[in-house]
Protein backbone atom coordinates (compact mmCIF):
# COMPACT_ATOMS: atom_id res chain seq x y z
CA MET A 1 398.79 22.63 -5.87
CA LYS A 2 397.70 19.61 -3.85
CA LYS A 3 396.04 21.88 -1.26
CA ILE A 4 394.17 23.72 -4.01
CA MET A 5 392.86 20.43 -5.44
CA ILE A 6 391.69 19.27 -2.00
CA ALA A 7 389.86 22.56 -1.46
CA LEU A 8 388.16 22.30 -4.87
CA VAL A 9 387.01 18.75 -4.15
CA ALA A 10 385.57 19.87 -0.81
CA LEU A 11 383.73 22.74 -2.47
CA LEU A 12 382.55 20.77 -5.49
CA PRO A 13 378.90 20.22 -4.40
CA SER A 14 378.36 23.88 -3.55
CA LEU A 15 380.09 25.01 -6.75
CA VAL A 16 377.91 22.73 -8.89
CA PHE A 17 374.63 23.92 -7.40
CA ALA A 18 375.73 27.54 -7.36
CA SER A 19 376.62 27.35 -11.03
CA ALA A 20 373.19 25.88 -11.74
CA GLY A 21 371.57 28.91 -10.13
CA VAL A 22 369.93 26.84 -7.40
CA HIS A 23 369.00 28.60 -4.16
CA LEU A 24 369.61 26.39 -1.14
CA ASP A 25 367.99 27.07 2.22
CA LYS A 26 370.26 26.86 5.25
CA ALA A 27 370.00 23.66 7.29
CA ASN A 28 370.84 24.62 10.87
CA TYR A 29 371.49 21.07 12.04
CA ASP A 30 373.06 20.24 15.40
CA LEU A 31 374.97 16.97 15.81
CA SER A 32 375.06 17.43 19.58
CA ASP A 33 371.24 17.25 19.76
CA LYS A 34 370.68 13.56 20.51
CA SER A 35 366.89 13.96 20.55
CA SER A 36 366.97 15.36 17.02
CA LEU A 37 369.26 12.54 15.87
CA GLN A 38 366.96 9.93 17.42
CA ARG A 39 363.94 11.45 15.69
CA GLY A 40 365.93 11.56 12.44
CA ALA A 41 366.83 7.87 12.75
CA LYS A 42 363.17 7.02 13.32
CA LEU A 43 362.12 9.08 10.29
CA PHE A 44 364.78 7.50 8.10
CA MET A 45 363.86 3.95 9.05
CA ASN A 46 360.13 4.57 8.64
CA TYR A 47 360.10 6.66 5.46
CA CYS A 48 363.41 6.12 3.63
CA PHE A 49 364.85 2.72 4.45
CA ALA A 50 362.45 0.72 2.28
CA CYS A 51 364.28 2.10 -0.77
CA HIS A 52 367.53 3.60 0.53
CA SER A 53 370.14 1.69 2.51
CA THR A 54 372.90 3.19 4.63
CA GLY A 55 375.12 0.23 4.01
CA TYR A 56 378.25 1.64 5.66
CA GLN A 57 376.52 1.86 9.04
CA ARG A 58 375.75 -0.81 11.59
CA TYR A 59 372.62 -0.84 13.71
CA GLN A 60 374.61 -1.30 16.90
CA ARG A 61 376.91 1.66 16.23
CA VAL A 62 373.90 3.89 15.58
CA ALA A 63 372.21 2.69 18.75
CA LYS A 64 375.36 3.36 20.79
CA ASP A 65 376.06 6.80 19.30
CA LEU A 66 372.46 8.00 19.65
CA ASP A 67 371.92 6.57 23.16
CA ILE A 68 369.25 4.12 21.99
CA PRO A 69 369.09 0.90 24.06
CA ASP A 70 369.69 -2.21 21.96
CA ALA A 71 366.29 -3.62 22.91
CA LEU A 72 364.50 -0.50 21.64
CA MET A 73 366.62 -0.47 18.50
CA LYS A 74 365.62 -4.07 17.73
CA LYS A 75 361.95 -3.48 18.50
CA HIS A 76 361.35 -0.15 16.77
CA LEU A 77 364.11 0.44 14.18
CA ILE A 78 364.99 -2.96 12.73
CA PHE A 79 362.22 -4.09 10.41
CA ASN A 80 363.84 -6.76 8.23
CA GLY A 81 364.98 -9.31 10.78
CA SER A 82 368.62 -8.18 10.71
CA LYS A 83 370.81 -8.73 13.75
CA ILE A 84 371.85 -5.61 15.60
CA GLY A 85 375.51 -6.04 14.62
CA GLU A 86 374.75 -6.16 10.90
CA LEU A 87 375.05 -3.43 8.28
CA MET A 88 371.98 -1.32 7.57
CA VAL A 89 371.12 -2.76 4.15
CA ASN A 90 367.57 -3.14 2.89
CA SER A 91 366.24 -5.92 0.70
CA MET A 92 365.42 -3.92 -2.45
CA ASP A 93 366.81 -5.45 -5.61
CA LYS A 94 368.72 -2.87 -7.66
CA GLU A 95 367.31 -4.05 -10.96
CA GLU A 96 363.76 -3.90 -9.64
CA GLY A 97 364.44 -0.46 -8.15
CA ALA A 98 365.71 0.79 -11.50
CA LYS A 99 362.57 -0.58 -13.17
CA TRP A 100 360.24 1.18 -10.70
CA PHE A 101 362.03 4.54 -10.36
CA GLY A 102 364.13 4.86 -13.51
CA ASN A 103 367.34 4.44 -11.49
CA ALA A 104 368.14 2.25 -8.52
CA PRO A 105 367.68 4.26 -5.28
CA PRO A 106 371.19 5.17 -4.07
CA ASP A 107 372.76 4.31 -0.73
CA LEU A 108 372.45 7.41 1.47
CA THR A 109 375.31 6.86 3.93
CA LEU A 110 377.42 9.60 2.32
CA GLU A 111 374.62 11.64 0.74
CA ALA A 112 375.08 14.61 3.09
CA ARG A 113 378.79 14.72 2.25
CA LEU A 114 378.14 14.38 -1.47
CA ARG A 115 375.36 16.94 -1.91
CA GLY A 116 375.59 18.90 1.34
CA PRO A 117 373.05 19.30 4.18
CA ASP A 118 371.55 22.44 2.63
CA TRP A 119 370.77 20.60 -0.60
CA ILE A 120 368.95 17.76 1.18
CA TYR A 121 367.05 20.21 3.40
CA THR A 122 365.91 22.23 0.39
CA TYR A 123 365.16 19.17 -1.73
CA LEU A 124 362.79 17.59 0.81
CA ARG A 125 360.89 20.90 1.05
CA SER A 126 360.66 21.50 -2.72
CA PHE A 127 358.24 18.89 -4.03
CA TYR A 128 355.15 20.13 -5.89
CA LYS A 129 352.20 18.71 -7.83
CA ASP A 130 352.92 17.61 -11.39
CA GLU A 131 350.42 15.20 -12.88
CA SER A 132 352.70 14.58 -15.87
CA ARG A 133 355.19 12.73 -13.66
CA PRO A 134 354.81 9.01 -12.76
CA PHE A 135 354.29 9.72 -9.04
CA GLY A 136 352.36 12.96 -9.54
CA VAL A 137 355.11 15.19 -8.15
CA ASN A 138 358.16 17.09 -9.33
CA ASN A 139 360.92 18.94 -7.51
CA VAL A 140 362.25 22.49 -7.83
CA ILE A 141 365.95 21.65 -7.43
CA PHE A 142 365.77 18.17 -8.95
CA PRO A 143 363.59 18.53 -12.08
CA ASP A 144 361.90 15.33 -13.33
CA VAL A 145 362.84 13.49 -10.17
CA GLY A 146 361.95 9.79 -10.22
CA MET A 147 361.27 9.60 -6.49
CA PRO A 148 357.82 9.99 -4.92
CA HIS A 149 357.26 12.58 -2.20
CA ILE A 150 357.85 10.19 0.69
CA LEU A 151 356.84 12.76 3.33
CA GLU A 152 353.64 13.74 1.53
CA SER A 153 351.43 12.59 4.42
CA LEU A 154 353.27 15.00 6.73
CA GLN A 155 353.59 18.04 4.45
CA GLY A 156 350.87 17.61 1.86
CA VAL A 157 351.73 18.41 -1.76
CA PRO A 158 352.33 22.11 -2.57
CA THR A 159 351.22 23.69 -5.83
CA ALA A 160 353.84 25.54 -7.88
CA THR A 161 353.55 29.00 -9.39
CA PHE A 162 355.60 29.36 -12.59
CA GLU A 163 357.11 32.26 -14.49
CA MET A 164 358.76 32.45 -17.90
CA VAL A 165 362.33 33.72 -17.66
CA THR A 166 365.04 34.31 -20.26
CA ASN A 167 368.53 33.00 -19.62
CA ALA A 168 371.84 34.52 -20.70
CA ASP A 169 371.57 32.83 -24.11
CA GLY A 170 368.20 34.42 -24.77
CA ILE A 171 366.29 31.16 -24.35
CA GLU A 172 362.99 31.27 -22.49
CA HIS A 173 362.14 28.59 -19.98
CA LYS A 174 359.60 28.06 -17.23
CA THR A 175 360.79 28.31 -13.64
CA VAL A 176 359.13 27.87 -10.26
CA ILE A 177 358.85 31.13 -8.31
CA ALA A 178 356.65 30.01 -5.40
CA LEU A 179 355.16 26.95 -3.70
CA GLU A 180 351.79 27.13 -1.94
CA SER A 181 350.24 24.39 0.18
CA ASP A 182 346.63 23.84 -0.91
CA GLU A 183 346.36 20.47 0.81
CA GLN A 184 347.82 20.62 4.31
CA GLY A 185 349.37 17.42 5.62
CA GLU A 186 349.47 16.23 9.20
CA MET A 187 351.90 18.98 10.19
CA SER A 188 352.15 22.72 9.99
CA SER A 189 354.88 24.29 7.87
CA ASP A 190 357.15 24.89 10.89
CA GLU A 191 356.61 21.36 12.19
CA TYR A 192 357.45 19.90 8.80
CA ASP A 193 360.61 22.00 8.53
CA GLN A 194 361.73 20.60 11.89
CA VAL A 195 361.04 17.04 10.72
CA VAL A 196 363.18 17.59 7.62
CA LEU A 197 365.91 19.15 9.75
CA ASP A 198 365.92 16.10 12.05
CA LEU A 199 366.28 13.85 9.01
CA VAL A 200 369.10 16.00 7.62
CA ASN A 201 370.81 15.93 11.02
CA TYR A 202 370.73 12.14 10.98
CA LEU A 203 372.13 11.93 7.44
CA VAL A 204 374.97 14.31 8.36
CA TYR A 205 375.75 12.04 11.31
CA ALA A 206 375.58 8.96 9.05
CA GLY A 207 378.19 10.44 6.70
CA GLU A 208 380.69 11.05 9.51
CA PRO A 209 379.69 9.52 12.88
CA ASN A 210 382.83 10.78 14.64
CA LYS A 211 382.61 14.38 13.37
CA LEU A 212 382.09 15.96 16.81
CA GLU A 213 384.86 13.81 18.29
CA ARG A 214 387.18 14.85 15.47
CA GLN A 215 386.38 18.53 15.96
CA ASN A 216 386.89 18.33 19.73
CA LEU A 217 390.16 16.47 19.26
CA GLY A 218 391.26 19.11 16.77
CA ILE A 219 390.95 21.82 19.43
CA TRP A 220 393.27 19.88 21.75
CA VAL A 221 395.73 19.25 18.93
CA VAL A 222 395.88 22.95 18.04
CA ALA A 223 396.32 23.84 21.73
CA PHE A 224 399.15 21.31 22.03
CA LEU A 225 400.88 22.72 18.93
CA LEU A 226 400.65 26.26 20.31
CA ILE A 227 402.20 25.16 23.61
CA LEU A 228 404.87 23.20 21.74
CA PHE A 229 405.63 26.25 19.60
CA PHE A 230 406.04 28.42 22.70
CA VAL A 231 408.34 25.88 24.41
CA SER A 232 410.34 25.44 21.18
CA TYR A 233 410.72 29.20 20.88
CA LEU A 234 412.07 29.48 24.43
CA LEU A 235 414.41 26.54 23.80
CA LYS A 236 415.70 28.13 20.61
CA LYS A 237 416.44 31.38 22.47
CA GLU A 238 418.28 29.43 25.15
CA TYR A 239 420.46 27.55 22.62
CA TRP A 240 421.33 30.67 20.63
CA ARG A 241 422.04 32.91 23.62
CA ASP A 242 425.75 31.98 23.87
CA ILE A 243 426.27 32.18 20.08
CA HIS A 244 425.17 35.83 19.95
């Protein structure tokens, strides 16, 4: 029973979004790609950190893991005067954030573990024009989102094509069937997808910095257990030989 509960908790984000009928694009991130992680860290600090902290990380640990010299980390990725050994917390007041955005911007340290890399990858590529919203944008998988399109200068703002559909209860509602970029940003579509993937890669790393180490250690543990099983089997045969 305990194993079943653990499995359900692990699958909860994917089950929730699947039940909501949300299509998620695959985020083919690679935690071994240090260049991608470095670009992702730069993107996060430049575009996300003003509102979103990663308060369970320390600047120095990030610099060490991503092979960024401390001097470069201080010069290019620490903008609020923090010391390199401090936690990565911004200065936004939660009450003010709630006033501006409807809800205080959440800490993103564990966002990739909570929602999943595919959700973040799809979300950042699903903004579209909506003049009825406070920031002039909406989102396909997060309707009525309170966040502006922070990467608008890179992607531009796509225009949505809608279609009326009827759900299982016979209720009609409007749904987005396509996004088209009328106003191109600084990047092409492929370049923007890579930028989002770098950012997702960094957030996956932030949620579990030792993931690759854990996976590599797991291989050695399994190999050790297999060898131990083989030795134990031979030992068992040796002990029981005289009994039979």
